[in-house]
Amino acid sequence: MSSTNKESLIKFKRLGVELFNMLSKAKIKYIKSLHVKKHRVKEKLFFVEGAKSVIEFIESKFTTAIVYGTDLFWKQNEKLLREQKVVFEIATEKELIQAGTLNSNNAAIALVNMPVLKELVLAKTDWTLALDTINDPGNLGTIIRIADWYGIQQILISTNSADVYNPKVVNTTKGSLTRVHINYVDLPKTLSAYKGLIIGADMVGEDVHTFKPKEKGVIIMGGESHGISQEVQKLLTTKITIPRIGSAESLNVAVATAIICDNIVRVN
């Protein structure tokens, strides 16, 4: 975003809600640039699409820089947008589709500031999910949503995994990204300093259906292709598995995460 645009956003925020007509080609191009990680990192911005997700981010602790939305979205959410002093620009459904990734969007796109990461704390009183080389954005987004469902509020992600602000990840979380704290870390280094329970999902291990942990800790899920890395394997205190009854070679990592969370989290 140019310095002029940034200055304008600051000015608009001070004034409260401001309405503009038409999403220009330059702005569409700018939003489309945020499809790419290097531009998101440079601008420290990502975008959120669709009515429900945009509203969730506006109401969350994230800071919304600007919302581009249809006249209908404005009419339906005017009270919230004014209360939150959101910078709002009118856009057509066609323009929103051009700028974003959805095939249909008759609501809005929000540009959201990336949060400043909090200090990482691994507490033995809470479950933490750790993801080792999860490359598929759809799987990553689904896992974040699963963690939110089971009340897991912190996820550690290896630095070689997919970007959490990838549009597909953001869309797949359905707003759960606003409630789950994410930290990209060097997993072996981070876990080697942790003295609590470290559970790893594997093809061989204790049956997850009968496994009853005496304390909370870290649950590690590895990528479908290679599983948990050797460096992290060495740090595990326990291995668990989902017993195979049929002939499938493996389970989708998001599906496996849901099964494991359901069996572990509800018993402790």
Protein backbone atom coordinates (compact mmCIF):
# COMPACT_ATOMS: atom_id res chain seq x y z
CA MET A 1 0.00 0.00 0.00
CA SER A 2 1.38 3.40 -0.93
CA SER A 3 2.22 5.97 1.73
CA THR A 4 -0.65 8.13 0.43
CA ASN A 5 -3.16 5.31 0.92
CA LYS A 6 -1.83 4.58 4.39
CA GLU A 7 -2.15 8.24 5.36
CA SER A 8 -5.68 8.24 4.01
CA LEU A 9 -6.61 5.19 6.10
CA ILE A 10 -5.31 6.90 9.24
CA LYS A 11 -7.30 10.01 8.38
CA PHE A 12 -10.45 8.00 7.73
CA LYS A 13 -10.09 6.12 11.03
CA ARG A 14 -9.95 9.40 12.94
CA LEU A 15 -13.15 10.52 11.28
CA GLY A 16 -14.95 7.24 11.99
CA VAL A 17 -16.87 5.46 9.24
CA GLU A 18 -16.44 6.92 5.80
CA LEU A 19 -18.28 5.72 2.69
CA PHE A 20 -16.77 5.67 -0.79
CA ASN A 21 -18.21 4.45 -4.04
CA MET A 22 -16.52 1.99 -6.39
CA LEU A 23 -13.62 -0.33 -5.78
CA SER A 24 -10.96 0.95 -8.20
CA LYS A 25 -8.78 -1.27 -10.37
CA ALA A 26 -5.76 -0.19 -8.33
CA LYS A 27 -7.41 -1.32 -5.10
CA ILE A 28 -8.49 -4.62 -6.65
CA LYS A 29 -4.88 -5.12 -7.77
CA TYR A 30 -3.65 -4.32 -4.27
CA ILE A 31 -6.01 -6.84 -2.64
CA LYS A 32 -5.01 -9.46 -5.21
CA SER A 33 -1.35 -8.86 -4.29
CA LEU A 34 -2.23 -10.09 -0.79
CA HIS A 35 -2.97 -13.52 -2.27
CA VAL A 36 0.82 -13.91 -2.20
CA LYS A 37 2.68 -14.47 1.07
CA LYS A 38 5.60 -12.10 0.40
CA HIS A 39 3.20 -9.20 -0.12
CA ARG A 40 1.21 -10.09 3.01
CA VAL A 41 4.42 -10.14 5.01
CA LYS A 42 5.60 -6.84 3.52
CA GLU A 43 2.30 -5.05 4.16
CA LYS A 44 1.56 -6.91 7.42
CA LEU A 45 -1.97 -7.36 6.13
CA PHE A 46 -4.19 -10.26 5.10
CA PHE A 47 -7.76 -10.36 3.86
CA VAL A 48 -10.96 -12.02 5.04
CA GLU A 49 -13.94 -12.79 2.79
CA GLY A 50 -17.64 -13.39 3.30
CA ALA A 51 -20.20 -11.91 5.69
CA LYS A 52 -19.76 -14.22 8.68
CA SER A 53 -15.95 -14.22 8.67
CA VAL A 54 -15.67 -10.46 8.15
CA ILE A 55 -18.07 -9.80 11.04
CA GLU A 56 -16.14 -12.21 13.30
CA PHE A 57 -12.88 -10.36 12.63
CA ILE A 58 -14.47 -6.94 13.15
CA GLU A 59 -15.77 -8.12 16.55
CA SER A 60 -12.46 -9.77 17.50
CA LYS A 61 -9.19 -8.48 18.96
CA PHE A 62 -7.76 -8.22 15.45
CA THR A 63 -7.52 -4.72 13.99
CA THR A 64 -9.49 -4.27 10.77
CA ALA A 65 -7.83 -1.73 8.46
CA ILE A 66 -10.70 -1.35 5.99
CA VAL A 67 -13.79 -3.21 4.77
CA TYR A 68 -14.98 -3.28 1.18
CA GLY A 69 -18.61 -4.37 1.05
CA THR A 70 -21.87 -4.28 -0.83
CA ASP A 71 -24.62 -1.81 -0.10
CA LEU A 72 -26.65 -4.69 1.39
CA PHE A 73 -23.80 -5.61 3.77
CA TRP A 74 -23.63 -1.97 4.89
CA LYS A 75 -27.37 -1.80 5.52
CA GLN A 76 -27.38 -5.07 7.47
CA ASN A 77 -24.34 -4.21 9.61
CA GLU A 78 -24.33 -0.40 9.78
CA LYS A 79 -24.68 -0.32 13.58
CA LEU A 80 -21.68 -2.64 14.12
CA LEU A 81 -19.53 -0.85 11.53
CA ARG A 82 -20.22 2.53 13.11
CA GLU A 83 -19.66 1.25 16.66
CA GLN A 84 -16.29 -0.24 15.66
CA LYS A 85 -15.42 2.87 13.61
CA VAL A 86 -14.59 0.74 10.61
CA VAL A 87 -13.40 2.38 7.41
CA PHE A 88 -15.94 1.14 4.85
CA GLU A 89 -15.98 1.36 1.06
CA ILE A 90 -18.90 0.35 -1.13
CA ALA A 91 -18.10 -2.37 -3.66
CA THR A 92 -20.14 -4.52 -6.02
CA GLU A 93 -20.35 -8.30 -5.81
CA LYS A 94 -18.44 -8.50 -9.11
CA GLU A 95 -15.59 -6.38 -7.70
CA LEU A 96 -15.39 -8.47 -4.53
CA ILE A 97 -15.14 -11.65 -6.59
CA GLN A 98 -12.44 -10.07 -8.79
CA ALA A 99 -10.38 -9.06 -5.77
CA GLY A 100 -10.80 -12.17 -3.65
CA THR A 101 -10.74 -15.95 -4.03
CA LEU A 102 -14.38 -16.91 -3.57
CA ASN A 103 -16.60 -17.81 -6.51
CA SER A 104 -19.46 -15.97 -4.83
CA ASN A 105 -19.28 -13.05 -2.40
CA ASN A 106 -22.24 -10.68 -2.10
CA ALA A 107 -21.06 -9.34 1.27
CA ALA A 108 -17.56 -8.03 1.97
CA ILE A 109 -13.78 -8.30 2.04
CA ALA A 110 -11.85 -6.97 5.04
CA LEU A 111 -8.17 -6.08 5.13
CA VAL A 112 -6.88 -7.06 8.55
CA ASN A 113 -3.61 -6.22 10.30
CA MET A 114 -1.43 -9.16 11.28
CA PRO A 115 -1.28 -9.32 15.08
CA VAL A 116 1.84 -8.86 17.15
CA LEU A 117 2.66 -12.32 18.50
CA LYS A 118 2.44 -12.80 22.24
CA GLU A 119 5.16 -14.49 24.26
CA LEU A 120 4.88 -18.26 23.93
CA VAL A 121 3.90 -20.07 27.13
CA LEU A 122 3.51 -23.86 27.26
CA ALA A 123 1.40 -24.58 30.33
CA LYS A 124 0.77 -28.07 31.69
CA THR A 125 -2.75 -26.97 32.62
CA ASP A 126 -3.83 -26.53 28.97
CA TRP A 127 -3.70 -28.58 25.80
CA THR A 128 -1.51 -27.24 23.00
CA LEU A 129 -1.65 -28.57 19.45
CA ALA A 130 1.64 -28.72 17.50
CA LEU A 131 1.73 -29.16 13.73
CA ASP A 132 4.84 -30.54 12.07
CA THR A 133 5.07 -29.76 8.33
CA ILE A 134 1.40 -29.30 7.45
CA ASN A 135 1.66 -27.99 3.90
CA ASP A 136 -1.94 -28.06 2.68
CA PRO A 137 -3.77 -24.77 3.45
CA GLY A 138 -7.15 -26.52 3.56
CA ASN A 139 -5.91 -29.00 6.16
CA LEU A 140 -4.32 -26.25 8.23
CA GLY A 141 -7.50 -24.19 8.24
CA THR A 142 -9.61 -27.20 9.18
CA ILE A 143 -7.27 -28.11 12.03
CA ILE A 144 -7.51 -24.58 13.44
CA ARG A 145 -11.30 -24.90 13.33
CA ILE A 146 -11.11 -28.30 15.06
CA ALA A 147 -8.88 -26.87 17.79
CA ASP A 148 -11.41 -24.10 18.37
CA TRP A 149 -14.24 -26.67 18.58
CA TYR A 150 -12.41 -28.62 21.28
CA GLY A 151 -11.36 -25.54 23.23
CA ILE A 152 -7.66 -25.73 22.35
CA GLN A 153 -6.58 -22.11 22.29
CA GLN A 154 -2.94 -22.45 21.22
CA ILE A 155 -1.32 -24.04 18.17
CA LEU A 156 2.40 -24.29 17.43
CA ILE A 157 3.23 -24.59 13.74
CA SER A 158 6.57 -25.56 12.25
CA THR A 159 8.11 -22.84 10.10
CA ASN A 160 8.03 -25.08 7.00
CA SER A 161 4.22 -25.40 7.13
CA ALA A 162 1.59 -23.46 5.16
CA ASP A 163 1.01 -19.79 5.99
CA VAL A 164 -1.88 -19.26 8.39
CA TYR A 165 -2.83 -16.04 6.54
CA ASN A 166 -3.13 -17.81 3.21
CA PRO A 167 -6.67 -16.94 1.94
CA LYS A 168 -7.65 -20.63 1.81
CA VAL A 169 -6.57 -21.12 5.41
CA VAL A 170 -8.45 -18.02 6.56
CA ASN A 171 -11.60 -19.04 4.66
CA THR A 172 -11.48 -22.61 5.98
CA THR A 173 -11.20 -21.55 9.63
CA LYS A 174 -14.65 -19.91 9.42
CA GLY A 175 -13.63 -17.32 12.01
CA SER A 176 -11.82 -19.70 14.37
CA LEU A 177 -8.57 -17.87 13.61
CA THR A 178 -9.88 -15.03 15.80
CA ARG A 179 -9.97 -17.33 18.85
CA VAL A 180 -6.97 -19.65 18.46
CA HIS A 181 -3.50 -18.26 19.21
CA ILE A 182 -0.96 -19.23 16.52
CA ASN A 183 2.83 -19.31 16.87
CA TYR A 184 5.30 -20.35 14.15
CA VAL A 185 8.26 -21.94 15.91
CA ASP A 186 11.30 -24.15 15.57
CA LEU A 187 9.48 -27.22 16.94
CA PRO A 188 12.51 -29.27 18.07
CA LYS A 189 14.00 -26.25 19.88
CA THR A 190 10.71 -25.23 21.48
CA LEU A 191 9.70 -28.71 22.59
CA SER A 192 13.17 -29.61 23.92
CA ALA A 193 12.71 -26.89 26.55
CA TYR A 194 9.30 -28.23 27.59
CA LYS A 195 9.21 -30.74 30.48
CA GLY A 196 5.58 -31.81 30.21
CA LEU A 197 3.70 -34.50 28.30
CA ILE A 198 4.44 -34.60 24.56
CA ILE A 199 2.08 -36.89 22.64
CA GLY A 200 2.78 -37.80 19.03
CA ALA A 201 0.31 -39.29 16.55
CA ASP A 202 1.84 -42.26 14.75
CA MET A 203 0.94 -45.40 12.82
CA VAL A 204 2.18 -47.40 15.81
CA GLY A 205 1.41 -46.47 19.41
CA GLU A 206 -1.07 -46.72 22.25
CA ASP A 207 -4.72 -46.99 21.17
CA VAL A 208 -6.18 -43.48 21.33
CA HIS A 209 -9.56 -44.94 22.34
CA THR A 210 -8.15 -46.29 25.61
CA PHE A 211 -5.40 -43.74 26.19
CA LYS A 212 -6.07 -41.66 29.30
CA PRO A 213 -3.43 -38.99 29.97
CA LYS A 214 -2.95 -38.01 33.61
CA GLU A 215 -2.04 -34.46 32.69
CA LYS A 216 -2.42 -32.04 29.80
CA GLY A 217 0.39 -31.25 27.40
CA VAL A 218 1.27 -31.01 23.72
CA ILE A 219 -0.38 -33.09 20.98
CA ILE A 220 1.75 -33.32 17.82
CA MET A 221 0.36 -34.04 14.37
CA GLY A 222 2.71 -34.66 11.45
CA GLY A 223 2.17 -34.22 7.73
CA GLU A 224 0.50 -37.03 5.79
CA SER A 225 3.52 -37.74 3.61
CA HIS A 226 6.27 -38.10 6.20
CA GLY A 227 4.60 -37.90 9.60
CA ILE A 228 6.40 -36.35 12.54
CA SER A 229 10.02 -35.43 11.80
CA GLN A 230 12.86 -37.43 13.32
CA GLU A 231 14.01 -34.44 15.38
CA VAL A 232 10.60 -34.14 17.01
CA GLN A 233 10.15 -37.93 17.33
CA LYS A 234 13.08 -38.00 19.74
CA LEU A 235 11.24 -35.64 22.10
CA LEU A 236 8.00 -37.61 22.38
CA THR A 237 7.00 -39.01 25.77
CA THR A 238 4.12 -41.05 24.30
CA LYS A 239 2.98 -42.28 20.90
CA ILE A 240 -0.68 -42.82 20.14
CA THR A 241 -2.47 -44.27 17.14
CA ILE A 242 -5.94 -44.54 15.67
CA PRO A 243 -6.51 -48.30 15.15
CA ARG A 244 -7.10 -49.22 11.52
CA ILE A 245 -10.02 -51.56 10.88
CA GLY A 246 -10.20 -51.40 7.09
CA SER A 247 -7.59 -51.22 4.34
CA ALA A 248 -6.99 -47.49 3.85
CA GLU A 249 -3.30 -46.58 3.80
CA SER A 250 -3.70 -43.47 5.92
CA LEU A 251 -6.10 -40.85 7.27
CA ASN A 252 -6.31 -37.21 6.24
CA VAL A 253 -4.38 -35.26 8.89
CA ALA A 254 -7.34 -33.00 9.72
CA VAL A 255 -9.64 -36.00 10.17
CA ALA A 256 -7.03 -37.69 12.35
CA THR A 257 -6.66 -34.52 14.43
CA ALA A 258 -10.41 -34.44 15.07
CA ILE A 259 -10.48 -38.09 16.17
CA ILE A 260 -7.50 -37.64 18.49
CA CYS A 261 -8.80 -34.41 20.00
CA ASP A 262 -12.21 -35.98 20.61
CA ASN A 263 -10.69 -38.93 22.43
CA ILE A 264 -8.03 -37.08 24.41
CA VAL A 265 -9.50 -33.69 25.25
CA ARG A 266 -12.82 -35.00 26.58
CA VAL A 267 -11.16 -37.37 29.07
CA ASN A 268 -8.82 -34.70 30.47
